[in-house]
């Protein structure tokens, strides 16, 4: 039962790390307010950009 993968990590180690990291991330988001202004779109770029439209979509897609 104590098998580890070749790189020395296990599922249990991951779950321990996730259990301690998630509350810290929630505190960091709450401390900063969690909101930032969206950037102006760069029309020359073909990558997805952080605009007011994409933020509105992400807000509506949260559960």
Protein backbone atom coordinates (compact mmCIF):
# COMPACT_ATOMS: atom_id res chain seq x y z
CA UNK A 1 0.00 0.00 0.00
CA UNK A 2 2.92 2.34 0.39
CA UNK A 3 3.91 2.31 -3.28
CA UNK A 4 5.29 5.53 -4.67
CA UNK A 5 5.70 6.53 -8.27
CA UNK A 6 9.10 6.82 -9.88
CA UNK A 7 9.43 10.54 -9.18
CA UNK A 8 8.81 10.07 -5.45
CA UNK A 9 5.33 11.56 -5.15
CA UNK A 10 2.09 9.83 -4.38
CA UNK A 11 -1.59 10.63 -4.47
CA UNK A 12 -1.60 11.06 -0.73
CA UNK A 13 1.18 13.67 -0.94
CA UNK A 14 -0.80 15.52 -3.59
CA UNK A 15 -3.96 15.52 -1.47
CA UNK A 16 -2.04 16.82 1.54
CA UNK A 17 -0.63 19.66 -0.55
CA UNK A 18 -4.02 20.45 -2.10
CA UNK A 19 -5.70 20.53 1.29
CA UNK A 20 -3.25 23.13 2.58
CA UNK A 21 -2.98 25.19 -0.61
CA UNK A 22 -6.68 25.70 -1.35
CA UNK A 23 -7.49 27.68 1.83
CA UNK A 24 -4.38 29.81 1.34
CA UNK A 25 -5.47 30.63 -2.21
CA UNK A 26 -8.96 31.53 -1.03
CA UNK A 27 -7.51 33.89 1.58
CA UNK A 28 -5.26 35.52 -1.01
CA UNK A 29 -8.20 36.13 -3.35
CA UNK A 30 -10.35 37.50 -0.55
CA UNK A 31 -7.56 39.82 0.62
CA UNK A 32 -7.05 41.33 -2.83
CA UNK A 33 -10.76 41.75 -3.49
CA UNK A 34 -10.72 39.30 -6.40
CA UNK A 35 -11.56 41.93 -8.99
CA UNK A 36 -9.30 43.68 -11.43
CA UNK A 37 -9.96 45.82 -14.45
CA UNK A 38 -10.11 44.06 -17.79
CA UNK A 39 -7.55 45.10 -20.37
CA UNK A 40 -8.33 46.74 -23.68
CA UNK A 41 -8.43 44.12 -26.46
CA UNK A 42 -5.40 43.82 -28.74
CA UNK A 43 -6.95 43.36 -32.19
CA UNK A 44 -3.67 42.18 -33.74
CA UNK A 45 -3.49 39.13 -31.46
CA UNK A 46 -5.23 35.85 -32.25
CA UNK A 47 -5.05 34.56 -28.65
CA UNK A 48 -7.85 34.75 -26.09
CA UNK A 49 -7.69 38.02 -24.19
CA UNK A 50 -8.83 39.25 -20.81
CA UNK A 51 -11.66 41.60 -21.68
CA UNK A 52 -14.90 42.63 -20.00
CA UNK A 53 -16.76 40.22 -22.30
CA UNK A 54 -14.66 37.19 -21.29
CA UNK A 55 -14.91 38.13 -17.59
CA UNK A 56 -18.70 38.33 -17.87
CA UNK A 57 -18.73 34.87 -19.44
CA UNK A 58 -16.53 33.41 -16.70
CA UNK A 59 -18.73 34.98 -14.01
CA UNK A 60 -21.87 33.50 -15.54
CA UNK A 61 -20.26 30.06 -15.89
CA UNK A 62 -19.40 29.72 -12.18
CA UNK A 63 -21.30 27.23 -10.11
